[in-house]
Amino acid sequence: MKNIVLVCHRKRRGISQKALAKDLDITREYMNLLENSKKQPSSHLARRIAKYFGTTAKAVFPTYSPEEEESQNSS
């Protein structure tokens, strides 16, 4: 299932996957995986993407949970 929110934000800005990936310092292929919900970004990348679009990580990635990641890191 596509991450429609991410795709819509990108298209609203009128930029390609390649341009967005370059701005975020990731590969276009990785951007494609994020848009197609085949990968989940790290919390750092999720926050960078959200900041880029002026929103929250939770708004762009509905399954984003920084609390979950923090509990996994402290185990």
PDB file of N, CA and C in Angstrom:
ATOM      1  N   MET A   1       0.842  -1.180   0.000  1.00  0.00           N
ATOM      2  CA  MET A   1       0.000   0.000   0.000  1.00  0.00           C
ATOM      3  C   MET A   1       0.890   1.246   0.000  1.00  0.00           C
ATOM      4  N   LYS A   2       0.626   2.143  -0.920  1.00  0.00           N
ATOM      5  CA  LYS A   2       1.435   3.362  -1.036  1.00  0.00           C
ATOM      6  C   LYS A   2       1.247   4.289   0.160  1.00  0.00           C
ATOM      7  N   ASN A   3       2.293   5.023   0.464  1.00  0.00           N
ATOM      8  CA  ASN A   3       2.192   6.080   1.468  1.00  0.00           C
ATOM      9  C   ASN A   3       1.691   7.321   0.714  1.00  0.00           C
ATOM     10  N   ILE A   4       0.371   7.410   0.618  1.00  0.00           N
ATOM     11  CA  ILE A   4      -0.266   8.478  -0.155  1.00  0.00           C
ATOM     12  C   ILE A   4       0.101   9.858   0.382  1.00  0.00           C
ATOM     13  N   VAL A   5       0.219   9.986   1.682  1.00  0.00           N
ATOM     14  CA  VAL A   5       0.544  11.285   2.283  1.00  0.00           C
ATOM     15  C   VAL A   5       1.908  11.761   1.788  1.00  0.00           C
ATOM     16  N   LEU A   6       2.885  10.881   1.822  1.00  0.00           N
ATOM     17  CA  LEU A   6       4.230  11.237   1.365  1.00  0.00           C
ATOM     18  C   LEU A   6       4.220  11.596  -0.117  1.00  0.00           C
ATOM     19  N   VAL A   7       3.541  10.786  -0.917  1.00  0.00           N
ATOM     20  CA  VAL A   7       3.462  11.043  -2.356  1.00  0.00           C
ATOM     21  C   VAL A   7       2.776  12.387  -2.622  1.00  0.00           C
ATOM     22  N   CYS A   8       1.680  12.660  -1.929  1.00  0.00           N
ATOM     23  CA  CYS A   8       0.948  13.917  -2.123  1.00  0.00           C
ATOM     24  C   CYS A   8       1.789  15.125  -1.731  1.00  0.00           C
ATOM     25  N   HIS A   9       2.493  15.034  -0.617  1.00  0.00           N
ATOM     26  CA  HIS A   9       3.366  16.139  -0.205  1.00  0.00           C
ATOM     27  C   HIS A   9       4.419  16.410  -1.284  1.00  0.00           C
ATOM     28  N   ARG A  10       5.009  15.355  -1.798  1.00  0.00           N
ATOM     29  CA  ARG A  10       6.049  15.516  -2.817  1.00  0.00           C
ATOM     30  C   ARG A  10       5.470  16.126  -4.090  1.00  0.00           C
ATOM     31  N   LYS A  11       4.332  15.603  -4.527  1.00  0.00           N
ATOM     32  CA  LYS A  11       3.733  16.099  -5.774  1.00  0.00           C
ATOM     33  C   LYS A  11       3.231  17.529  -5.610  1.00  0.00           C
ATOM     34  N   ARG A  12       2.722  17.874  -4.424  1.00  0.00           N
ATOM     35  CA  ARG A  12       2.277  19.239  -4.170  1.00  0.00           C
ATOM     36  C   ARG A  12       3.439  20.225  -4.332  1.00  0.00           C
ATOM     37  N   ARG A  13       4.623  19.780  -3.959  1.00  0.00           N
ATOM     38  CA  ARG A  13       5.821  20.619  -4.121  1.00  0.00           C
ATOM     39  C   ARG A  13       6.315  20.625  -5.565  1.00  0.00           C
ATOM     40  N   GLY A  14       5.782  19.680  -6.363  1.00  0.00           N
ATOM     41  CA  GLY A  14       6.184  19.599  -7.766  1.00  0.00           C
ATOM     42  C   GLY A  14       7.596  19.109  -7.960  1.00  0.00           C
ATOM     43  N   ILE A  15       8.036  18.188  -7.077  1.00  0.00           N
ATOM     44  CA  ILE A  15       9.398  17.663  -7.198  1.00  0.00           C
ATOM     45  C   ILE A  15       9.376  16.161  -7.452  1.00  0.00           C
ATOM     46  N   SER A  16      10.422  15.692  -8.070  1.00  0.00           N
ATOM     47  CA  SER A  16      10.549  14.268  -8.376  1.00  0.00           C
ATOM     48  C   SER A  16      11.079  13.513  -7.158  1.00  0.00           C
ATOM     49  N   GLN A  17      10.950  12.197  -7.210  1.00  0.00           N
ATOM     50  CA  GLN A  17      11.547  11.361  -6.161  1.00  0.00           C
ATOM     51  C   GLN A  17      13.045  11.630  -6.086  1.00  0.00           C
ATOM     52  N   LYS A  18      13.661  11.757  -7.247  1.00  0.00           N
ATOM     53  CA  LYS A  18      15.101  11.966  -7.297  1.00  0.00           C
ATOM     54  C   LYS A  18      15.494  13.269  -6.605  1.00  0.00           C
ATOM     55  N   ALA A  19      14.756  14.339  -6.880  1.00  0.00           N
ATOM     56  CA  ALA A  19      15.059  15.641  -6.272  1.00  0.00           C
ATOM     57  C   ALA A  19      14.844  15.597  -4.762  1.00  0.00           C
ATOM     58  N   LEU A  20      13.761  14.973  -4.325  1.00  0.00           N
ATOM     59  CA  LEU A  20      13.496  14.878  -2.890  1.00  0.00           C
ATOM     60  C   LEU A  20      14.568  14.035  -2.216  1.00  0.00           C
ATOM     61  N   ALA A  21      14.915  12.930  -2.830  1.00  0.00           N
ATOM     62  CA  ALA A  21      15.952  12.063  -2.274  1.00  0.00           C
ATOM     63  C   ALA A  21      17.271  12.825  -2.134  1.00  0.00           C
ATOM     64  N   LYS A  22      17.597  13.616  -3.145  1.00  0.00           N
ATOM     65  CA  LYS A  22      18.838  14.397  -3.086  1.00  0.00           C
ATOM     66  C   LYS A  22      18.781  15.390  -1.931  1.00  0.00           C
ATOM     67  N   ASP A  23      17.651  16.079  -1.780  1.00  0.00           N
ATOM     68  CA  ASP A  23      17.495  17.047  -0.687  1.00  0.00           C
ATOM     69  C   ASP A  23      17.611  16.385   0.682  1.00  0.00           C
ATOM     70  N   LEU A  24      17.173  15.128   0.770  1.00  0.00           N
ATOM     71  CA  LEU A  24      17.207  14.401   2.042  1.00  0.00           C
ATOM     72  C   LEU A  24      18.479  13.573   2.223  1.00  0.00           C
ATOM     73  N   ASP A  25      19.333  13.581   1.204  1.00  0.00           N
ATOM     74  CA  ASP A  25      20.589  12.829   1.225  1.00  0.00           C
ATOM     75  C   ASP A  25      20.361  11.322   1.362  1.00  0.00           C
ATOM     76  N   ILE A  26      19.388  10.825   0.567  1.00  0.00           N
ATOM     77  CA  ILE A  26      19.135   9.391   0.463  1.00  0.00           C
ATOM     78  C   ILE A  26      19.063   9.050  -1.017  1.00  0.00           C
ATOM     79  N   THR A  27      19.001   7.781  -1.348  1.00  0.00           N
ATOM     80  CA  THR A  27      18.920   7.402  -2.760  1.00  0.00           C
ATOM     81  C   THR A  27      17.471   7.483  -3.244  1.00  0.00           C
ATOM     82  N   ARG A  28      17.317   7.623  -4.548  1.00  0.00           N
ATOM     83  CA  ARG A  28      15.984   7.622  -5.138  1.00  0.00           C
ATOM     84  C   ARG A  28      15.310   6.273  -4.907  1.00  0.00           C
ATOM     85  N   GLU A  29      16.107   5.231  -4.949  1.00  0.00           N
ATOM     86  CA  GLU A  29      15.562   3.889  -4.726  1.00  0.00           C
ATOM     87  C   GLU A  29      14.979   3.763  -3.310  1.00  0.00           C
ATOM     88  N   TYR A  30      15.683   4.319  -2.332  1.00  0.00           N
ATOM     89  CA  TYR A  30      15.188   4.271  -0.955  1.00  0.00           C
ATOM     90  C   TYR A  30      13.923   5.121  -0.822  1.00  0.00           C
ATOM     91  N   MET A  31      13.893   6.273  -1.507  1.00  0.00           N
ATOM     92  CA  MET A  31      12.698   7.120  -1.500  1.00  0.00           C
ATOM     93  C   MET A  31      11.514   6.351  -2.063  1.00  0.00           C
ATOM     94  N   ASN A  32      11.750   5.609  -3.130  1.00  0.00           N
ATOM     95  CA  ASN A  32      10.713   4.785  -3.742  1.00  0.00           C
ATOM     96  C   ASN A  32      10.200   3.736  -2.752  1.00  0.00           C
ATOM     97  N   LEU A  33      11.095   3.108  -2.017  1.00  0.00           N
ATOM     98  CA  LEU A  33      10.687   2.115  -1.015  1.00  0.00           C
ATOM     99  C   LEU A  33       9.836   2.754   0.077  1.00  0.00           C
ATOM    100  N   LEU A  34      10.191   3.966   0.491  1.00  0.00           N
ATOM    101  CA  LEU A  34       9.396   4.674   1.502  1.00  0.00           C
ATOM    102  C   LEU A  34       8.006   4.995   0.971  1.00  0.00           C
ATOM    103  N   GLU A  35       7.950   5.500  -0.260  1.00  0.00           N
ATOM    104  CA  GLU A  35       6.655   5.858  -0.851  1.00  0.00           C
ATOM    105  C   GLU A  35       5.768   4.640  -1.065  1.00  0.00           C
ATOM    106  N   ASN A  36       6.371   3.503  -1.306  1.00  0.00           N
ATOM    107  CA  ASN A  36       5.603   2.275  -1.519  1.00  0.00           C
ATOM    108  C   ASN A  36       5.424   1.467  -0.234  1.00  0.00           C
ATOM    109  N   SER A  37       5.777   2.072   0.886  1.00  0.00           N
ATOM    110  CA  SER A  37       5.635   1.449   2.215  1.00  0.00           C
ATOM    111  C   SER A  37       6.335   0.101   2.325  1.00  0.00           C
ATOM    112  N   LYS A  38       7.435  -0.039   1.589  1.00  0.00           N
ATOM    113  CA  LYS A  38       8.218  -1.275   1.672  1.00  0.00           C
ATOM    114  C   LYS A  38       9.300  -1.159   2.738  1.00  0.00           C
ATOM    115  N   LYS A  39       9.596   0.071   3.147  1.00  0.00           N
ATOM    116  CA  LYS A  39      10.548   0.354   4.218  1.00  0.00           C
ATOM    117  C   LYS A  39       9.960   1.417   5.121  1.00  0.00           C
ATOM    118  N   GLN A  40      10.346   1.374   6.391  1.00  0.00           N
ATOM    119  CA  GLN A  40       9.999   2.418   7.347  1.00  0.00           C
ATOM    120  C   GLN A  40      11.279   3.199   7.636  1.00  0.00           C
ATOM    121  N   PRO A  41      11.190   4.511   7.644  1.00  0.00           N
ATOM    122  CA  PRO A  41      12.401   5.296   7.893  1.00  0.00           C
ATOM    123  C   PRO A  41      12.803   5.238   9.360  1.00  0.00           C
ATOM    124  N   SER A  42      14.061   5.525   9.618  1.00  0.00           N
ATOM    125  CA  SER A  42      14.505   5.671  11.005  1.00  0.00           C
ATOM    126  C   SER A  42      13.766   6.879  11.584  1.00  0.00           C
ATOM    127  N   SER A  43      13.749   7.001  12.881  1.00  0.00           N
ATOM    128  CA  SER A  43      13.059   8.145  13.492  1.00  0.00           C
ATOM    129  C   SER A  43      13.706   9.450  13.045  1.00  0.00           C
ATOM    130  N   HIS A  44      15.023   9.437  12.904  1.00  0.00           N
ATOM    131  CA  HIS A  44      15.736  10.639  12.454  1.00  0.00           C
ATOM    132  C   HIS A  44      15.281  11.045  11.051  1.00  0.00           C
ATOM    133  N   LEU A  45      15.220  10.092  10.130  1.00  0.00           N
ATOM    134  CA  LEU A  45      14.808  10.388   8.762  1.00  0.00           C
ATOM    135  C   LEU A  45      13.333  10.773   8.716  1.00  0.00           C
ATOM    136  N   ALA A  46      12.499  10.115   9.486  1.00  0.00           N
ATOM    137  CA  ALA A  46      11.070  10.453   9.516  1.00  0.00           C
ATOM    138  C   ALA A  46      10.886  11.905   9.949  1.00  0.00           C
ATOM    139  N   ARG A  47      11.644  12.328  10.957  1.00  0.00           N
ATOM    140  CA  ARG A  47      11.555  13.722  11.424  1.00  0.00           C
ATOM    141  C   ARG A  47      12.094  14.699  10.377  1.00  0.00           C
ATOM    142  N   ARG A  48      13.168  14.318   9.672  1.00  0.00           N
ATOM    143  CA  ARG A  48      13.712  15.182   8.616  1.00  0.00           C
ATOM    144  C   ARG A  48      12.718  15.361   7.478  1.00  0.00           C
ATOM    145  N   ILE A  49      12.069  14.266   7.084  1.00  0.00           N
ATOM    146  CA  ILE A  49      11.072  14.326   6.014  1.00  0.00           C
ATOM    147  C   ILE A  49       9.901  15.209   6.456  1.00  0.00           C
ATOM    148  N   ALA A  50       9.437  15.004   7.675  1.00  0.00           N
ATOM    149  CA  ALA A  50       8.325  15.803   8.199  1.00  0.00           C
ATOM    150  C   ALA A  50       8.694  17.285   8.227  1.00  0.00           C
ATOM    151  N   LYS A  51       9.887  17.587   8.687  1.00  0.00           N
ATOM    152  CA  LYS A  51      10.335  18.981   8.744  1.00  0.00           C
ATOM    153  C   LYS A  51      10.401  19.581   7.344  1.00  0.00           C
ATOM    154  N   TYR A  52      10.864  18.808   6.386  1.00  0.00           N
ATOM    155  CA  TYR A  52      10.955  19.248   4.993  1.00  0.00           C
ATOM    156  C   TYR A  52       9.592  19.706   4.488  1.00  0.00           C
ATOM    157  N   PHE A  53       8.538  18.967   4.890  1.00  0.00           N
ATOM    158  CA  PHE A  53       7.193  19.287   4.436  1.00  0.00           C
ATOM    159  C   PHE A  53       6.405  20.140   5.434  1.00  0.00           C
ATOM    160  N   GLY A  54       7.025  20.497   6.538  1.00  0.00           N
ATOM    161  CA  GLY A  54       6.363  21.358   7.509  1.00  0.00           C
ATOM    162  C   GLY A  54       5.230  20.685   8.254  1.00  0.00           C
ATOM    163  N   THR A  55       5.423  19.419   8.589  1.00  0.00           N
ATOM    164  CA  THR A  55       4.394  18.667   9.300  1.00  0.00           C
ATOM    165  C   THR A  55       5.058  17.772  10.338  1.00  0.00           C
ATOM    166  N   THR A  56       4.314  16.815  10.861  1.00  0.00           N
ATOM    167  CA  THR A  56       4.873  15.894  11.856  1.00  0.00           C
ATOM    168  C   THR A  56       5.188  14.544  11.231  1.00  0.00           C
ATOM    169  N   ALA A  57       6.094  13.820  11.854  1.00  0.00           N
ATOM    170  CA  ALA A  57       6.439  12.483  11.374  1.00  0.00           C
ATOM    171  C   ALA A  57       5.220  11.573  11.417  1.00  0.00           C
ATOM    172  N   LYS A  58       4.411  11.717  12.450  1.00  0.00           N
ATOM    173  CA  LYS A  58       3.199  10.893  12.590  1.00  0.00           C
ATOM    174  C   LYS A  58       2.216  11.169  11.455  1.00  0.00           C
ATOM    175  N   ALA A  59       2.156  12.424  10.972  1.00  0.00           N
ATOM    176  CA  ALA A  59       1.251  12.767   9.875  1.00  0.00           C
ATOM    177  C   ALA A  59       1.709  12.135   8.557  1.00  0.00           C
ATOM    178  N   VAL A  60       3.010  12.050   8.344  1.00  0.00           N
ATOM    179  CA  VAL A  60       3.538  11.487   7.098  1.00  0.00           C
ATOM    180  C   VAL A  60       3.623   9.966   7.163  1.00  0.00           C
ATOM    181  N   PHE A  61       3.977   9.446   8.337  1.00  0.00           N
ATOM    182  CA  PHE A  61       4.117   8.001   8.526  1.00  0.00           C
ATOM    183  C   PHE A  61       3.196   7.575   9.669  1.00  0.00           C
ATOM    184  N   PRO A  62       1.947   7.225   9.360  1.00  0.00           N
ATOM    185  CA  PRO A  62       0.961   6.919  10.405  1.00  0.00           C
ATOM    186  C   PRO A  62       1.400   5.855  11.410  1.00  0.00           C
ATOM    187  N   THR A  63       2.256   4.957  11.008  1.00  0.00           N
ATOM    188  CA  THR A  63       2.703   3.915  11.944  1.00  0.00           C
ATOM    189  C   THR A  63       3.940   4.340  12.731  1.00  0.00           C
ATOM    190  N   TYR A  64       4.418   5.556  12.516  1.00  0.00           N
ATOM    191  CA  TYR A  64       5.601   6.067  13.213  1.00  0.00           C
ATOM    192  C   TYR A  64       5.346   6.132  14.711  1.00  0.00           C
ATOM    193  N   SER A  65       6.274   5.578  15.467  1.00  0.00           N
ATOM    194  CA  SER A  65       6.158   5.604  16.917  1.00  0.00           C
ATOM    195  C   SER A  65       7.549   5.730  17.536  1.00  0.00           C
ATOM    196  N   PRO A  66       7.948   6.957  17.884  1.00  0.00           N
ATOM    197  CA  PRO A  66       9.280   7.128  18.464  1.00  0.00           C
ATOM    198  C   PRO A  66       9.405   6.407  19.801  1.00  0.00           C
ATOM    199  N   GLU A  67       8.313   6.255  20.536  1.00  0.00           N
ATOM    200  CA  GLU A  67       8.364   5.550  21.821  1.00  0.00           C
ATOM    201  C   GLU A  67       8.753   4.086  21.608  1.00  0.00           C
ATOM    202  N   GLU A  68       8.193   3.487  20.546  1.00  0.00           N
ATOM    203  CA  GLU A  68       8.506   2.102  20.221  1.00  0.00           C
ATOM    204  C   GLU A  68       9.994   1.939  19.940  1.00  0.00           C
ATOM    205  N   GLU A  69      10.538   2.845  19.139  1.00  0.00           N
ATOM    206  CA  GLU A  69      11.955   2.772  18.780  1.00  0.00           C
ATOM    207  C   GLU A  69      12.836   2.958  20.007  1.00  0.00           C
ATOM    208  N   GLU A  70      12.468   3.910  20.873  1.00  0.00           N
ATOM    209  CA  GLU A  70      13.259   4.142  22.075  1.00  0.00           C
ATOM    210  C   GLU A  70      13.269   2.922  22.982  1.00  0.00           C
ATOM    211  N   SER A  71      12.136   2.234  23.102  1.00  0.00           N
ATOM    212  CA  SER A  71      12.091   1.054  23.965  1.00  0.00           C
ATOM    213  C   SER A  71      12.905  -0.087  23.371  1.00  0.00           C
ATOM    214  N   GLN A  72      12.940  -0.184  22.026  1.00  0.00           N
ATOM    215  CA  GLN A  72      13.751  -1.212  21.382  1.00  0.00           C
ATOM    216  C   GLN A  72      15.229  -0.916  21.548  1.00  0.00           C
ATOM    217  N   ASN A  73      15.611   0.347  21.503  1.00  0.00           N
ATOM    218  CA  ASN A  73      17.013   0.736  21.623  1.00  0.00           C
ATOM    219  C   ASN A  73      17.521   0.536  23.048  1.00  0.00           C
ATOM    220  N   SER A  74      16.663   0.644  24.034  1.00  0.00           N
ATOM    221  CA  SER A  74      17.116   0.506  25.415  1.00  0.00           C
ATOM    222  C   SER A  74      17.110  -0.931  25.895  1.00  0.00           C
ATOM    223  N   SER A  75      16.630  -1.859  25.071  1.00  0.00           N
ATOM    224  CA  SER A  75      16.614  -3.274  25.451  1.00  0.00           C
ATOM    225  C   SER A  75      17.952  -3.922  25.308  1.00  0.00           C
TER     226      SER A  75
END
